[in-house]
Amino acid sequence: MTPLRAFPLAVLLAACHSAAPSRAPQPDRGQLAALLTRQLGRAADDWNRGDLDGFVSDYARDTSTTFVDGRRARHGFQFIRENYAPRFAPGAPRDSLRFEEIEVRPLAPRIALLTARFILFRSGRTTASGPFTLVMERQSDGWKILHDHSSSDPH
């Protein structure tokens, strides 16, 4: 093979090598699950206290952060905050929140998939519930939600 003909092959091999999956160690699944379960617990506490800023602090503050509510995808931290804000207005009805069926799957050293079920309840009765999926990224200030797909079960 002539050196000129070998050049494109060398470029292709180099590109494939750089696109290969990272060999960085995956986070320990059990430790990550415990950490993100605690984080969801804090989010539920923030919701139940009426702390909007605390509740949305787990979302990445980015215009590409995505929220899918069963109808369509919406983008941006600001949209997510504005979407939840009416529930936190003084005097607004807001049922208590808890999370169940939490499962965490590390996808890469800094990326995780979390599935769970939200339960809104009042006076011991479930008022709304549904499954949700989060794609989370470990950032400099902790694990943040990049993508939230939430659905409500019919009641």
N, C-alpha and C. Protein backbone atom coordinates (compact mmCIF):
# COMPACT_ATOMS: atom_id res chain seq x y z
N MET A 1 0.86 -1.17 0.00
CA MET A 1 0.00 0.00 0.00
C MET A 1 0.90 1.23 0.00
N THR A 2 0.60 2.17 -0.86
CA THR A 2 1.42 3.38 -0.95
C THR A 2 1.11 4.27 0.25
N PRO A 3 2.04 5.10 0.64
CA PRO A 3 1.81 5.98 1.78
C PRO A 3 0.58 6.86 1.59
N LEU A 4 0.30 7.32 0.38
CA LEU A 4 -0.84 8.18 0.12
C LEU A 4 -2.15 7.42 0.34
N ARG A 5 -2.20 6.17 -0.10
CA ARG A 5 -3.41 5.37 0.06
C ARG A 5 -3.59 4.95 1.51
N ALA A 6 -2.51 4.82 2.27
CA ALA A 6 -2.60 4.42 3.67
C ALA A 6 -3.11 5.57 4.55
N PHE A 7 -2.92 6.80 4.11
CA PHE A 7 -3.31 7.96 4.92
C PHE A 7 -4.80 7.95 5.28
N PRO A 8 -5.75 7.78 4.32
CA PRO A 8 -7.16 7.77 4.71
C PRO A 8 -7.49 6.65 5.69
N LEU A 9 -6.86 5.49 5.54
CA LEU A 9 -7.09 4.39 6.46
C LEU A 9 -6.62 4.76 7.86
N ALA A 10 -5.46 5.41 7.94
CA ALA A 10 -4.93 5.83 9.24
C ALA A 10 -5.86 6.85 9.90
N VAL A 11 -6.41 7.78 9.12
CA VAL A 11 -7.35 8.78 9.66
C VAL A 11 -8.61 8.08 10.16
N LEU A 12 -9.13 7.13 9.39
CA LEU A 12 -10.32 6.40 9.79
C LEU A 12 -10.08 5.62 11.08
N LEU A 13 -8.95 4.93 11.18
CA LEU A 13 -8.63 4.18 12.39
C LEU A 13 -8.49 5.10 13.60
N ALA A 14 -7.86 6.25 13.40
CA ALA A 14 -7.71 7.21 14.49
C ALA A 14 -9.07 7.73 14.94
N ALA A 15 -9.96 8.00 13.99
CA ALA A 15 -11.31 8.49 14.32
C ALA A 15 -12.08 7.43 15.08
N CYS A 16 -11.99 6.19 14.64
CA CYS A 16 -12.69 5.10 15.33
C CYS A 16 -12.16 4.92 16.74
N HIS A 17 -10.85 5.03 16.90
CA HIS A 17 -10.25 4.87 18.22
C HIS A 17 -10.74 5.99 19.16
N SER A 18 -10.81 7.22 18.66
CA SER A 18 -11.23 8.33 19.52
C SER A 18 -12.72 8.26 19.83
N ALA A 19 -13.51 7.58 18.98
CA ALA A 19 -14.94 7.45 19.23
C ALA A 19 -15.27 6.23 20.06
N ALA A 20 -14.27 5.42 20.41
CA ALA A 20 -14.50 4.21 21.20
C ALA A 20 -15.01 4.60 22.58
N PRO A 21 -15.80 3.73 23.21
CA PRO A 21 -16.31 4.03 24.55
C PRO A 21 -15.18 4.29 25.54
N SER A 22 -15.45 5.18 26.46
CA SER A 22 -14.47 5.53 27.48
C SER A 22 -14.19 4.31 28.36
N ARG A 23 -12.96 4.18 28.75
CA ARG A 23 -12.57 3.09 29.64
C ARG A 23 -12.61 3.56 31.10
N ALA A 24 -13.11 4.76 31.32
CA ALA A 24 -13.20 5.28 32.68
C ALA A 24 -14.15 4.40 33.48
N PRO A 25 -13.87 4.19 34.74
CA PRO A 25 -14.71 3.30 35.54
C PRO A 25 -16.14 3.84 35.68
N GLN A 26 -17.10 2.94 35.61
CA GLN A 26 -18.50 3.30 35.83
C GLN A 26 -18.70 3.58 37.32
N PRO A 27 -19.61 4.47 37.65
CA PRO A 27 -19.91 4.67 39.07
C PRO A 27 -20.52 3.39 39.64
N ASP A 28 -20.28 3.13 40.91
CA ASP A 28 -20.88 1.97 41.57
C ASP A 28 -22.39 2.14 41.57
N ARG A 29 -23.10 1.17 41.02
CA ARG A 29 -24.56 1.27 40.86
C ARG A 29 -25.27 1.46 42.20
N GLY A 30 -24.86 0.70 43.20
CA GLY A 30 -25.51 0.81 44.51
C GLY A 30 -25.29 2.16 45.16
N GLN A 31 -24.05 2.66 45.11
CA GLN A 31 -23.77 3.97 45.69
C GLN A 31 -24.50 5.07 44.93
N LEU A 32 -24.52 4.97 43.60
CA LEU A 32 -25.21 5.97 42.80
C LEU A 32 -26.71 5.94 43.08
N ALA A 33 -27.27 4.75 43.18
CA ALA A 33 -28.71 4.63 43.48
C ALA A 33 -29.03 5.26 44.83
N ALA A 34 -28.19 5.02 45.83
CA ALA A 34 -28.42 5.60 47.15
C ALA A 34 -28.33 7.13 47.09
N LEU A 35 -27.32 7.63 46.38
CA LEU A 35 -27.15 9.08 46.25
C LEU A 35 -28.35 9.72 45.56
N LEU A 36 -28.77 9.16 44.43
CA LEU A 36 -29.88 9.77 43.68
C LEU A 36 -31.22 9.56 44.39
N THR A 37 -31.37 8.50 45.14
CA THR A 37 -32.59 8.31 45.95
C THR A 37 -32.66 9.38 47.03
N ARG A 38 -31.53 9.68 47.67
CA ARG A 38 -31.50 10.78 48.67
C ARG A 38 -31.82 12.11 47.99
N GLN A 39 -31.28 12.31 46.78
CA GLN A 39 -31.53 13.55 46.06
C GLN A 39 -33.02 13.69 45.75
N LEU A 40 -33.67 12.60 45.32
CA LEU A 40 -35.11 12.66 45.08
C LEU A 40 -35.87 12.94 46.38
N GLY A 41 -35.39 12.37 47.47
CA GLY A 41 -36.03 12.64 48.77
C GLY A 41 -35.97 14.12 49.12
N ARG A 42 -34.81 14.74 48.85
CA ARG A 42 -34.69 16.19 49.10
C ARG A 42 -35.64 16.98 48.19
N ALA A 43 -35.77 16.54 46.93
CA ALA A 43 -36.68 17.22 46.01
C ALA A 43 -38.12 17.12 46.52
N ALA A 44 -38.51 15.96 47.02
CA ALA A 44 -39.87 15.81 47.58
C ALA A 44 -40.03 16.71 48.80
N ASP A 45 -39.00 16.78 49.65
CA ASP A 45 -39.06 17.67 50.82
C ASP A 45 -39.23 19.12 50.38
N ASP A 46 -38.47 19.53 49.34
CA ASP A 46 -38.59 20.91 48.83
C ASP A 46 -40.01 21.16 48.32
N TRP A 47 -40.56 20.21 47.56
CA TRP A 47 -41.94 20.33 47.07
C TRP A 47 -42.90 20.49 48.25
N ASN A 48 -42.78 19.61 49.22
CA ASN A 48 -43.72 19.60 50.34
C ASN A 48 -43.60 20.84 51.22
N ARG A 49 -42.42 21.47 51.24
CA ARG A 49 -42.23 22.73 51.98
C ARG A 49 -42.65 23.94 51.18
N GLY A 50 -42.88 23.77 49.86
CA GLY A 50 -43.24 24.89 49.02
C GLY A 50 -42.03 25.68 48.53
N ASP A 51 -40.87 25.03 48.43
CA ASP A 51 -39.63 25.69 48.03
C ASP A 51 -39.38 25.43 46.54
N LEU A 52 -39.89 26.31 45.69
CA LEU A 52 -39.75 26.15 44.24
C LEU A 52 -38.29 26.13 43.82
N ASP A 53 -37.49 27.07 44.31
CA ASP A 53 -36.08 27.12 43.90
C ASP A 53 -35.34 25.85 44.31
N GLY A 54 -35.64 25.33 45.49
CA GLY A 54 -35.03 24.08 45.91
C GLY A 54 -35.47 22.93 45.02
N PHE A 55 -36.76 22.88 44.70
CA PHE A 55 -37.28 21.79 43.89
C PHE A 55 -36.65 21.77 42.50
N VAL A 56 -36.52 22.91 41.85
CA VAL A 56 -35.98 22.93 40.48
C VAL A 56 -34.45 22.96 40.45
N SER A 57 -33.81 23.01 41.61
CA SER A 57 -32.35 23.08 41.63
C SER A 57 -31.68 21.81 41.09
N ASP A 58 -32.42 20.71 40.98
CA ASP A 58 -31.84 19.48 40.43
C ASP A 58 -31.80 19.48 38.91
N TYR A 59 -32.46 20.43 38.27
CA TYR A 59 -32.44 20.52 36.80
C TYR A 59 -31.21 21.31 36.35
N ALA A 60 -30.59 20.87 35.26
CA ALA A 60 -29.47 21.61 34.69
C ALA A 60 -29.97 22.97 34.22
N ARG A 61 -29.27 24.01 34.60
CA ARG A 61 -29.64 25.38 34.21
C ARG A 61 -29.15 25.65 32.80
N ASP A 62 -29.85 25.09 31.85
CA ASP A 62 -29.42 25.14 30.46
C ASP A 62 -30.65 25.27 29.57
N THR A 63 -30.50 25.91 28.43
CA THR A 63 -31.62 26.04 27.50
C THR A 63 -31.95 24.73 26.81
N SER A 64 -31.04 23.75 26.87
CA SER A 64 -31.32 22.47 26.22
C SER A 64 -31.90 21.43 27.17
N THR A 65 -32.03 21.75 28.45
CA THR A 65 -32.67 20.83 29.39
C THR A 65 -34.10 20.59 28.90
N THR A 66 -34.50 19.32 28.87
CA THR A 66 -35.77 18.95 28.24
C THR A 66 -36.76 18.43 29.27
N PHE A 67 -38.02 18.82 29.12
CA PHE A 67 -39.12 18.30 29.92
C PHE A 67 -40.20 17.81 28.96
N VAL A 68 -40.55 16.54 29.07
CA VAL A 68 -41.61 15.95 28.25
C VAL A 68 -42.73 15.56 29.19
N ASP A 69 -43.92 16.08 28.93
CA ASP A 69 -45.05 15.86 29.85
C ASP A 69 -46.12 14.94 29.28
N GLY A 70 -45.81 14.16 28.28
CA GLY A 70 -46.82 13.29 27.69
C GLY A 70 -47.45 13.88 26.45
N ARG A 71 -47.34 15.20 26.31
CA ARG A 71 -47.90 15.86 25.13
C ARG A 71 -46.81 16.25 24.14
N ARG A 72 -45.75 16.89 24.67
CA ARG A 72 -44.65 17.28 23.79
C ARG A 72 -43.43 17.66 24.62
N ALA A 73 -42.31 17.77 23.94
CA ALA A 73 -41.07 18.16 24.59
C ALA A 73 -40.98 19.68 24.67
N ARG A 74 -40.56 20.15 25.81
CA ARG A 74 -40.32 21.57 26.03
C ARG A 74 -38.87 21.71 26.47
N HIS A 75 -38.27 22.84 26.16
CA HIS A 75 -36.84 23.00 26.43
C HIS A 75 -36.56 24.19 27.32
N GLY A 76 -35.56 24.02 28.16
CA GLY A 76 -35.02 25.12 28.93
C GLY A 76 -35.38 25.09 30.41
N PHE A 77 -34.38 25.40 31.21
CA PHE A 77 -34.58 25.49 32.66
C PHE A 77 -35.67 26.51 32.99
N GLN A 78 -35.67 27.62 32.29
CA GLN A 78 -36.65 28.66 32.59
C GLN A 78 -38.07 28.17 32.35
N PHE A 79 -38.28 27.41 31.26
CA PHE A 79 -39.61 26.84 31.02
C PHE A 79 -40.01 25.93 32.18
N ILE A 80 -39.09 25.07 32.61
CA ILE A 80 -39.40 24.12 33.69
C ILE A 80 -39.78 24.87 34.96
N ARG A 81 -39.01 25.90 35.29
CA ARG A 81 -39.32 26.68 36.50
C ARG A 81 -40.69 27.35 36.37
N GLU A 82 -40.96 27.96 35.22
CA GLU A 82 -42.25 28.63 35.01
C GLU A 82 -43.40 27.63 35.00
N ASN A 83 -43.15 26.41 34.51
CA ASN A 83 -44.17 25.38 34.49
C ASN A 83 -44.60 24.98 35.91
N TYR A 84 -43.65 24.90 36.82
CA TYR A 84 -43.96 24.51 38.20
C TYR A 84 -44.40 25.67 39.08
N ALA A 85 -44.04 26.90 38.73
CA ALA A 85 -44.27 28.06 39.59
C ALA A 85 -45.71 28.21 40.07
N PRO A 86 -46.75 28.03 39.23
CA PRO A 86 -48.11 28.20 39.74
C PRO A 86 -48.46 27.28 40.91
N ARG A 87 -47.85 26.12 40.97
CA ARG A 87 -48.12 25.19 42.08
C ARG A 87 -47.51 25.65 43.39
N PHE A 88 -46.56 26.59 43.30
CA PHE A 88 -45.87 27.09 44.48
C PHE A 88 -46.34 28.48 44.88
N ALA A 89 -47.29 29.03 44.16
CA ALA A 89 -47.81 30.36 44.50
C ALA A 89 -48.50 30.31 45.87
N PRO A 90 -48.43 31.40 46.62
CA PRO A 90 -49.09 31.42 47.93
C PRO A 90 -50.57 31.04 47.81
N GLY A 91 -50.98 30.09 48.62
CA GLY A 91 -52.37 29.66 48.63
C GLY A 91 -52.74 28.65 47.55
N ALA A 92 -51.83 28.36 46.65
CA ALA A 92 -52.14 27.40 45.58
C ALA A 92 -52.23 25.99 46.17
N PRO A 93 -53.20 25.21 45.70
CA PRO A 93 -53.27 23.82 46.19
C PRO A 93 -52.08 23.01 45.65
N ARG A 94 -51.42 22.33 46.54
CA ARG A 94 -50.28 21.50 46.13
C ARG A 94 -50.28 20.28 47.05
N ASP A 95 -50.60 19.15 46.46
CA ASP A 95 -50.62 17.93 47.24
C ASP A 95 -49.21 17.53 47.64
N SER A 96 -49.10 16.64 48.61
CA SER A 96 -47.80 16.15 49.06
C SER A 96 -47.22 15.21 48.01
N LEU A 97 -45.90 15.13 47.97
CA LEU A 97 -45.19 14.35 46.95
C LEU A 97 -44.28 13.32 47.60
N ARG A 98 -44.25 12.14 47.00
CA ARG A 98 -43.25 11.15 47.34
C ARG A 98 -42.88 10.39 46.07
N PHE A 99 -41.76 9.69 46.10
CA PHE A 99 -41.30 8.90 44.97
C PHE A 99 -41.18 7.44 45.37
N GLU A 100 -41.50 6.56 44.44
CA GLU A 100 -41.42 5.12 44.66
C GLU A 100 -40.80 4.45 43.44
N GLU A 101 -40.48 3.17 43.59
CA GLU A 101 -40.00 2.34 42.48
C GLU A 101 -38.77 2.94 41.79
N ILE A 102 -37.86 3.48 42.57
CA ILE A 102 -36.67 4.16 42.03
C ILE A 102 -35.66 3.12 41.55
N GLU A 103 -35.24 3.28 40.31
CA GLU A 103 -34.20 2.43 39.74
C GLU A 103 -33.18 3.33 39.05
N VAL A 104 -31.92 3.02 39.25
CA VAL A 104 -30.84 3.81 38.68
C VAL A 104 -29.95 2.90 37.85
N ARG A 105 -29.59 3.39 36.67
CA ARG A 105 -28.69 2.64 35.79
C ARG A 105 -27.60 3.59 35.29
N PRO A 106 -26.36 3.38 35.72
CA PRO A 106 -25.26 4.19 35.18
C PRO A 106 -25.09 3.88 33.69
N LEU A 107 -24.98 4.91 32.88
CA LEU A 107 -24.78 4.72 31.43
C LEU A 107 -23.35 5.04 31.02
N ALA A 108 -22.71 5.91 31.77
CA ALA A 108 -21.33 6.33 31.51
C ALA A 108 -20.82 6.91 32.83
N PRO A 109 -19.54 7.19 32.94
CA PRO A 109 -19.03 7.70 34.21
C PRO A 109 -19.77 8.95 34.73
N ARG A 110 -20.31 9.77 33.83
CA ARG A 110 -20.97 11.01 34.26
C ARG A 110 -22.44 11.08 33.87
N ILE A 111 -23.00 9.97 33.38
CA ILE A 111 -24.39 9.96 32.91
C ILE A 111 -25.13 8.79 33.56
N ALA A 112 -26.36 9.04 33.99
CA ALA A 112 -27.18 7.98 34.59
C ALA A 112 -28.62 8.11 34.11
N LEU A 113 -29.29 6.98 34.07
CA LEU A 113 -30.71 6.90 33.75
C LEU A 113 -31.43 6.54 35.05
N LEU A 114 -32.45 7.29 35.39
CA LEU A 114 -33.22 7.04 36.60
C LEU A 114 -34.68 6.90 36.19
N THR A 115 -35.32 5.82 36.64
CA THR A 115 -36.76 5.66 36.44
C THR A 115 -37.40 5.54 37.82
N ALA A 116 -38.61 6.04 37.93
CA ALA A 116 -39.32 6.00 39.21
C ALA A 116 -40.79 6.31 38.97
N ARG A 117 -41.51 6.42 40.05
CA ARG A 117 -42.93 6.79 40.02
C ARG A 117 -43.12 7.92 41.01
N PHE A 118 -43.82 8.98 40.57
CA PHE A 118 -44.19 10.05 41.51
C PHE A 118 -45.59 9.75 42.02
N ILE A 119 -45.83 10.11 43.26
CA ILE A 119 -47.14 9.96 43.88
C ILE A 119 -47.49 11.29 44.53
N LEU A 120 -48.58 11.90 44.10
CA LEU A 120 -49.13 13.08 44.78
C LEU A 120 -50.30 12.58 45.61
N PHE A 121 -50.36 13.03 46.85
CA PHE A 121 -51.42 12.52 47.75
C PHE A 121 -51.89 13.61 48.71
N ARG A 122 -53.12 13.43 49.15
CA ARG A 122 -53.75 14.36 50.11
C ARG A 122 -54.68 13.55 51.00
N SER A 123 -54.59 13.73 52.28
CA SER A 123 -55.44 13.03 53.24
C SER A 123 -55.41 11.52 53.03
N GLY A 124 -54.20 10.99 52.77
CA GLY A 124 -54.03 9.56 52.60
C GLY A 124 -54.53 8.99 51.28
N ARG A 125 -54.98 9.86 50.38
CA ARG A 125 -55.52 9.41 49.10
C ARG A 125 -54.64 9.92 47.96
N THR A 126 -54.31 9.04 47.00
CA THR A 126 -53.51 9.43 45.85
C THR A 126 -54.35 10.31 44.93
N THR A 127 -53.82 11.47 44.59
CA THR A 127 -54.53 12.39 43.70
C THR A 127 -53.94 12.36 42.29
N ALA A 128 -52.69 11.97 42.16
CA ALA A 128 -52.05 11.83 40.85
C ALA A 128 -50.81 10.96 41.03
N SER A 129 -50.48 10.23 40.00
CA SER A 129 -49.27 9.43 40.03
C SER A 129 -48.88 9.08 38.61
N GLY A 130 -47.64 8.66 38.45
CA GLY A 130 -47.21 8.23 37.14
C GLY A 130 -45.72 7.95 37.10
N PRO A 131 -45.30 7.26 36.06
CA PRO A 131 -43.89 6.96 35.91
C PRO A 131 -43.13 8.14 35.31
N PHE A 132 -41.85 8.19 35.59
CA PHE A 132 -41.02 9.20 34.94
C PHE A 132 -39.62 8.63 34.73
N THR A 133 -38.94 9.23 33.78
CA THR A 133 -37.57 8.85 33.44
C THR A 133 -36.73 10.12 33.44
N LEU A 134 -35.58 10.05 34.08
CA LEU A 134 -34.64 11.17 34.09
C LEU A 134 -33.32 10.72 33.48
N VAL A 135 -32.74 11.56 32.65
CA VAL A 135 -31.36 11.39 32.22
C VAL A 135 -30.60 12.44 33.02
N MET A 136 -29.61 11.96 33.79
CA MET A 136 -28.89 12.85 34.68
C MET A 136 -27.40 12.86 34.35
N GLU A 137 -26.78 14.01 34.60
CA GLU A 137 -25.35 14.17 34.35
C GLU A 137 -24.67 14.68 35.62
N ARG A 138 -23.54 14.08 35.95
CA ARG A 138 -22.76 14.58 37.08
C ARG A 138 -22.02 15.82 36.60
N GLN A 139 -22.37 16.96 37.19
CA GLN A 139 -21.73 18.23 36.85
C GLN A 139 -20.91 18.69 38.05
N SER A 140 -20.25 19.81 37.93
CA SER A 140 -19.37 20.29 39.01
C SER A 140 -20.14 20.52 40.31
N ASP A 141 -21.44 20.81 40.23
CA ASP A 141 -22.23 21.06 41.43
C ASP A 141 -23.19 19.92 41.75
N GLY A 142 -22.90 18.72 41.27
CA GLY A 142 -23.71 17.55 41.60
C GLY A 142 -24.44 16.98 40.39
N TRP A 143 -25.27 15.98 40.63
CA TRP A 143 -26.04 15.33 39.56
C TRP A 143 -27.20 16.23 39.18
N LYS A 144 -27.33 16.53 37.89
CA LYS A 144 -28.37 17.42 37.38
C LYS A 144 -29.20 16.71 36.31
N ILE A 145 -30.46 17.07 36.24
CA ILE A 145 -31.39 16.49 35.27
C ILE A 145 -31.21 17.19 33.93
N LEU A 146 -30.90 16.40 32.91
CA LEU A 146 -30.81 16.92 31.54
C LEU A 146 -32.13 16.72 30.79
N HIS A 147 -32.83 15.64 31.14
CA HIS A 147 -34.05 15.27 30.43
C HIS A 147 -35.01 14.62 31.42
N ASP A 148 -36.24 15.10 31.44
CA ASP A 148 -37.30 14.60 32.33
C ASP A 148 -38.49 14.26 31.47
N HIS A 149 -38.87 12.99 31.46
CA HIS A 149 -40.07 12.55 30.74
C HIS A 149 -41.03 11.99 31.78
N SER A 150 -42.08 12.75 32.06
CA SER A 150 -43.05 12.37 33.09
C SER A 150 -44.41 12.11 32.47
N SER A 151 -45.06 11.08 32.96
CA SER A 151 -46.41 10.73 32.50
C SER A 151 -47.31 10.56 33.70
N SER A 152 -48.59 10.85 33.53
CA SER A 152 -49.57 10.65 34.59
C SER A 152 -50.48 9.49 34.24
N ASP A 153 -50.74 8.66 35.25
CA ASP A 153 -51.70 7.59 35.08
C ASP A 153 -53.10 8.19 35.08
N PRO A 154 -54.03 7.61 34.35
CA PRO A 154 -55.42 8.09 34.43
C PRO A 154 -56.00 7.78 35.81
N HIS A 155 -56.72 8.72 36.36
CA HIS A 155 -57.37 8.51 37.68
C HIS A 155 -58.86 8.64 37.54
